[in-house]
C-alpha atoms as a PDB file:
ATOM      1  CA  UNK A   1      35.043-103.167 -42.360  1.00  0.00           C
ATOM      2  CA  UNK A   2      31.511-103.833 -43.083  1.00  0.00           C
ATOM      3  CA  UNK A   3      30.479-102.731 -39.406  1.00  0.00           C
ATOM      4  CA  UNK A   4      32.167 -99.505 -40.049  1.00  0.00           C
ATOM      5  CA  UNK A   5      29.982 -99.511 -43.843  1.00  0.00           C
ATOM      6  CA  UNK A   6      26.803-100.240 -42.471  1.00  0.00           C
ATOM      7  CA  UNK A   7      27.410 -97.656 -39.464  1.00  0.00           C
ATOM      8  CA  UNK A   8      28.162 -95.093 -42.266  1.00  0.00           C
ATOM      9  CA  UNK A   9      25.202 -96.003 -44.353  1.00  0.00           C
ATOM     10  CA  UNK A  10      22.589 -95.583 -41.301  1.00  0.00           C
ATOM     11  CA  UNK A  11      24.117 -92.203 -40.098  1.00  0.00           C
ATOM     12  CA  UNK A  12      23.975 -90.906 -43.634  1.00  0.00           C
ATOM     13  CA  UNK A  13      19.971 -92.496 -44.114  1.00  0.00           C
ATOM     14  CA  UNK A  14      19.024 -90.839 -40.802  1.00  0.00           C
ATOM     15  CA  UNK A  15      20.889 -87.292 -41.704  1.00  0.00           C
ATOM     16  CA  UNK A  16      18.824 -87.362 -45.000  1.00  0.00           C
ATOM     17  CA  UNK A  17      15.832 -88.010 -43.120  1.00  0.00           C
ATOM     18  CA  UNK A  18      15.598 -85.432 -40.723  1.00  0.00           C
ATOM     19  CA  UNK A  19      16.331 -82.892 -43.447  1.00  0.00           C
ATOM     20  CA  UNK A  20      13.405 -84.305 -45.561  1.00  0.00           C
ATOM     21  CA  UNK A  21      11.658 -84.251 -42.323  1.00  0.00           C
ATOM     22  CA  UNK A  22      12.898 -80.336 -41.807  1.00  0.00           C
ATOM     23  CA  UNK A  23      11.957 -79.429 -45.396  1.00  0.00           C
ATOM     24  CA  UNK A  24       8.332 -80.944 -45.291  1.00  0.00           C
ATOM     25  CA  UNK A  25       7.826 -78.999 -41.963  1.00  0.00           C
ATOM     26  CA  UNK A  26       8.984 -75.547 -43.369  1.00  0.00           C
ATOM     27  CA  UNK A  27       6.780 -76.440 -46.469  1.00  0.00           C
ATOM     28  CA  UNK A  28       3.640 -76.779 -44.075  1.00  0.00           C
ATOM     29  CA  UNK A  29       4.644 -73.783 -41.826  1.00  0.00           C
ATOM     30  CA  UNK A  30       4.708 -71.417 -44.583  1.00  0.00           C
ATOM     31  CA  UNK A  31       1.509 -72.349 -46.397  1.00  0.00           C
ATOM     32  CA  UNK A  32      -0.296 -71.830 -43.014  1.00  0.00           C
ATOM     33  CA  UNK A  33       1.497 -68.806 -42.763  1.00  0.00           C
ATOM     34  CA  UNK A  34       0.357 -67.644 -46.395  1.00  0.00           C
ATOM     35  CA  UNK A  35      -3.082 -68.948 -45.396  1.00  0.00           C
ATOM     36  CA  UNK A  36      -3.417 -66.637 -42.476  1.00  0.00           C
ATOM     37  CA  UNK A  37      -2.307 -63.425 -44.735  1.00  0.00           C
ATOM     38  CA  UNK A  38      -5.269 -64.282 -46.848  1.00  0.00           C
ATOM     39  CA  UNK A  39      -7.812 -62.979 -44.243  1.00  0.00           C
ATOM     40  CA  UNK A  40      -9.412 -60.594 -45.882  1.00  0.00           C
ATOM     41  CA  UNK A  41     -10.983 -62.769 -48.932  1.00  0.00           C
ATOM     42  CA  UNK A  42     -12.152 -64.939 -46.134  1.00  0.00           C
ATOM     43  CA  UNK A  43     -15.884 -66.300 -46.700  1.00  0.00           C
ATOM     44  CA  UNK A  44     -18.797 -64.760 -44.569  1.00  0.00           C
ATOM     45  CA  UNK A  45     -21.815 -66.399 -45.667  1.00  0.00           C
ATOM     46  CA  UNK A  46     -22.817 -69.047 -47.916  1.00  0.00           C
ATOM     47  CA  UNK A  47     -25.898 -70.288 -49.853  1.00  0.00           C
ATOM     48  CA  UNK A  48     -25.777 -74.071 -51.338  1.00  0.00           C
ATOM     49  CA  UNK A  49     -28.072 -76.509 -53.389  1.00  0.00           C
ATOM     50  CA  UNK A  50     -27.879 -79.835 -55.140  1.00  0.00           C
ATOM     51  CA  UNK A  51     -27.072 -79.233 -59.060  1.00  0.00           C
ATOM     52  CA  UNK A  52     -26.892 -81.771 -61.666  1.00  0.00           C
ATOM     53  CA  UNK A  53     -24.916 -84.371 -61.131  1.00  0.00           C
ATOM     54  CA  UNK A  54     -26.030 -84.708 -57.863  1.00  0.00           C
ATOM     55  CA  UNK A  55     -23.147 -82.213 -56.546  1.00  0.00           C
ATOM     56  CA  UNK A  56     -23.529 -79.466 -54.160  1.00  0.00           C
ATOM     57  CA  UNK A  57     -23.628 -75.799 -55.933  1.00  0.00           C
ATOM     58  CA  UNK A  58     -22.162 -73.537 -53.853  1.00  0.00           C
ATOM     59  CA  UNK A  59     -21.808 -69.481 -53.432  1.00  0.00           C
ATOM     60  CA  UNK A  60     -19.989 -67.887 -50.575  1.00  0.00           C
ATOM     61  CA  UNK A  61     -19.667 -63.997 -49.821  1.00  0.00           C
ATOM     62  CA  UNK A  62     -16.196 -62.964 -49.099  1.00  0.00           C
ATOM     63  CA  UNK A  63     -15.069 -59.952 -46.843  1.00  0.00           C
ATOM     64  CA  UNK A  64     -13.607 -58.168 -50.015  1.00  0.00           C
ATOM     65  CA  UNK A  65     -17.320 -57.834 -51.219  1.00  0.00           C
ATOM     66  CA  UNK A  66     -16.935 -60.363 -54.129  1.00  0.00           C
ATOM     67  CA  UNK A  67     -18.242 -64.243 -54.263  1.00  0.00           C
ATOM     68  CA  UNK A  68     -16.613 -67.421 -54.451  1.00  0.00           C
ATOM     69  CA  UNK A  69     -18.756 -70.293 -56.652  1.00  0.00           C
ATOM     70  CA  UNK A  70     -17.882 -73.975 -55.745  1.00  0.00           C
ATOM     71  CA  UNK A  71     -19.015 -76.997 -57.760  1.00  0.00           C
ATOM     72  CA  UNK A  72     -18.917 -80.231 -56.312  1.00  0.00           C
ATOM     73  CA  UNK A  73     -16.566 -78.903 -53.291  1.00  0.00           C
ATOM     74  CA  UNK A  74     -14.171 -76.985 -55.991  1.00  0.00           C
ATOM     75  CA  UNK A  75     -13.576 -73.531 -56.526  1.00  0.00           C
ATOM     76  CA  UNK A  76     -14.924 -72.648 -59.885  1.00  0.00           C
ATOM     77  CA  UNK A  77     -14.697 -68.536 -60.060  1.00  0.00           C
ATOM     78  CA  UNK A  78     -14.788 -65.758 -57.932  1.00  0.00           C
ATOM     79  CA  UNK A  79     -17.202 -62.936 -59.091  1.00  0.00           C
ATOM     80  CA  UNK A  80     -18.138 -59.360 -58.015  1.00  0.00           C
ATOM     81  CA  UNK A  81     -21.904 -57.916 -57.322  1.00  0.00           C
ATOM     82  CA  UNK A  82     -22.247 -57.543 -61.328  1.00  0.00           C
ATOM     83  CA  UNK A  83     -22.083 -60.902 -61.607  1.00  0.00           C
ATOM     84  CA  UNK A  84     -25.099 -62.146 -59.563  1.00  0.00           C
ATOM     85  CA  UNK A  85     -27.138 -60.669 -62.418  1.00  0.00           C
ATOM     86  CA  UNK A  86     -29.469 -58.593 -59.812  1.00  0.00           C
ATOM     87  CA  UNK A  87     -29.818 -61.326 -57.976  1.00  0.00           C
ATOM     88  CA  UNK A  88     -29.394 -62.237 -54.268  1.00  0.00           C
ATOM     89  CA  UNK A  89     -26.827 -65.016 -53.758  1.00  0.00           C
ATOM     90  CA  UNK A  90     -29.333 -67.213 -52.187  1.00  0.00           C
ATOM     91  CA  UNK A  91     -31.075 -66.690 -55.706  1.00  0.00           C
ATOM     92  CA  UNK A  92     -28.253 -66.920 -58.113  1.00  0.00           C
ATOM     93  CA  UNK A  93     -27.457 -70.338 -56.490  1.00  0.00           C
ATOM     94  CA  UNK A  94     -31.013 -71.569 -56.616  1.00  0.00           C
ATOM     95  CA  UNK A  95     -31.514 -70.676 -60.098  1.00  0.00           C
ATOM     96  CA  UNK A  96     -27.583 -72.453 -61.116  1.00  0.00           C
ATOM     97  CA  UNK A  97     -29.553 -75.795 -59.646  1.00  0.00           C
ATOM     98  CA  UNK A  98     -32.097 -75.668 -61.727  1.00  0.00           C
ATOM     99  CA  UNK A  99     -30.067 -75.857 -65.086  1.00  0.00           C
ATOM    100  CA  UNK A 100     -29.319 -78.647 -67.122  1.00  0.00           C
ATOM    101  CA  UNK A 101     -25.621 -77.669 -67.596  1.00  0.00           C
ATOM    102  CA  UNK A 102     -23.281 -75.554 -65.313  1.00  0.00           C
ATOM    103  CA  UNK A 103     -21.369 -72.766 -67.388  1.00  0.00           C
ATOM    104  CA  UNK A 104     -18.621 -71.394 -65.278  1.00  0.00           C
ATOM    105  CA  UNK A 105     -16.684 -69.459 -68.536  1.00  0.00           C
ATOM    106  CA  UNK A 106     -16.167 -65.723 -68.131  1.00  0.00           C
END
């Protein structure tokens, strides 16, 4: 009887683990396929410098003519050409690195 219960327990554990793995793999596949669907927003050119707190400030031009700003490796916001305030992306990020405090508000 103990062997039967042990066998059933091991079999059940194996089935649950297999289902868990399949769900995890499916999630990964969905994430990757969604990433491929956003190829029109892929960055083409980036400029960066070291800003306050020794963190990298970076601006990248996207294929859809917008710019994404990263601070310390974290995406902070996306702006359009008007958001550059008449500067080139390189000038914009260089000026940002000279500031004592960065404000990413709208």
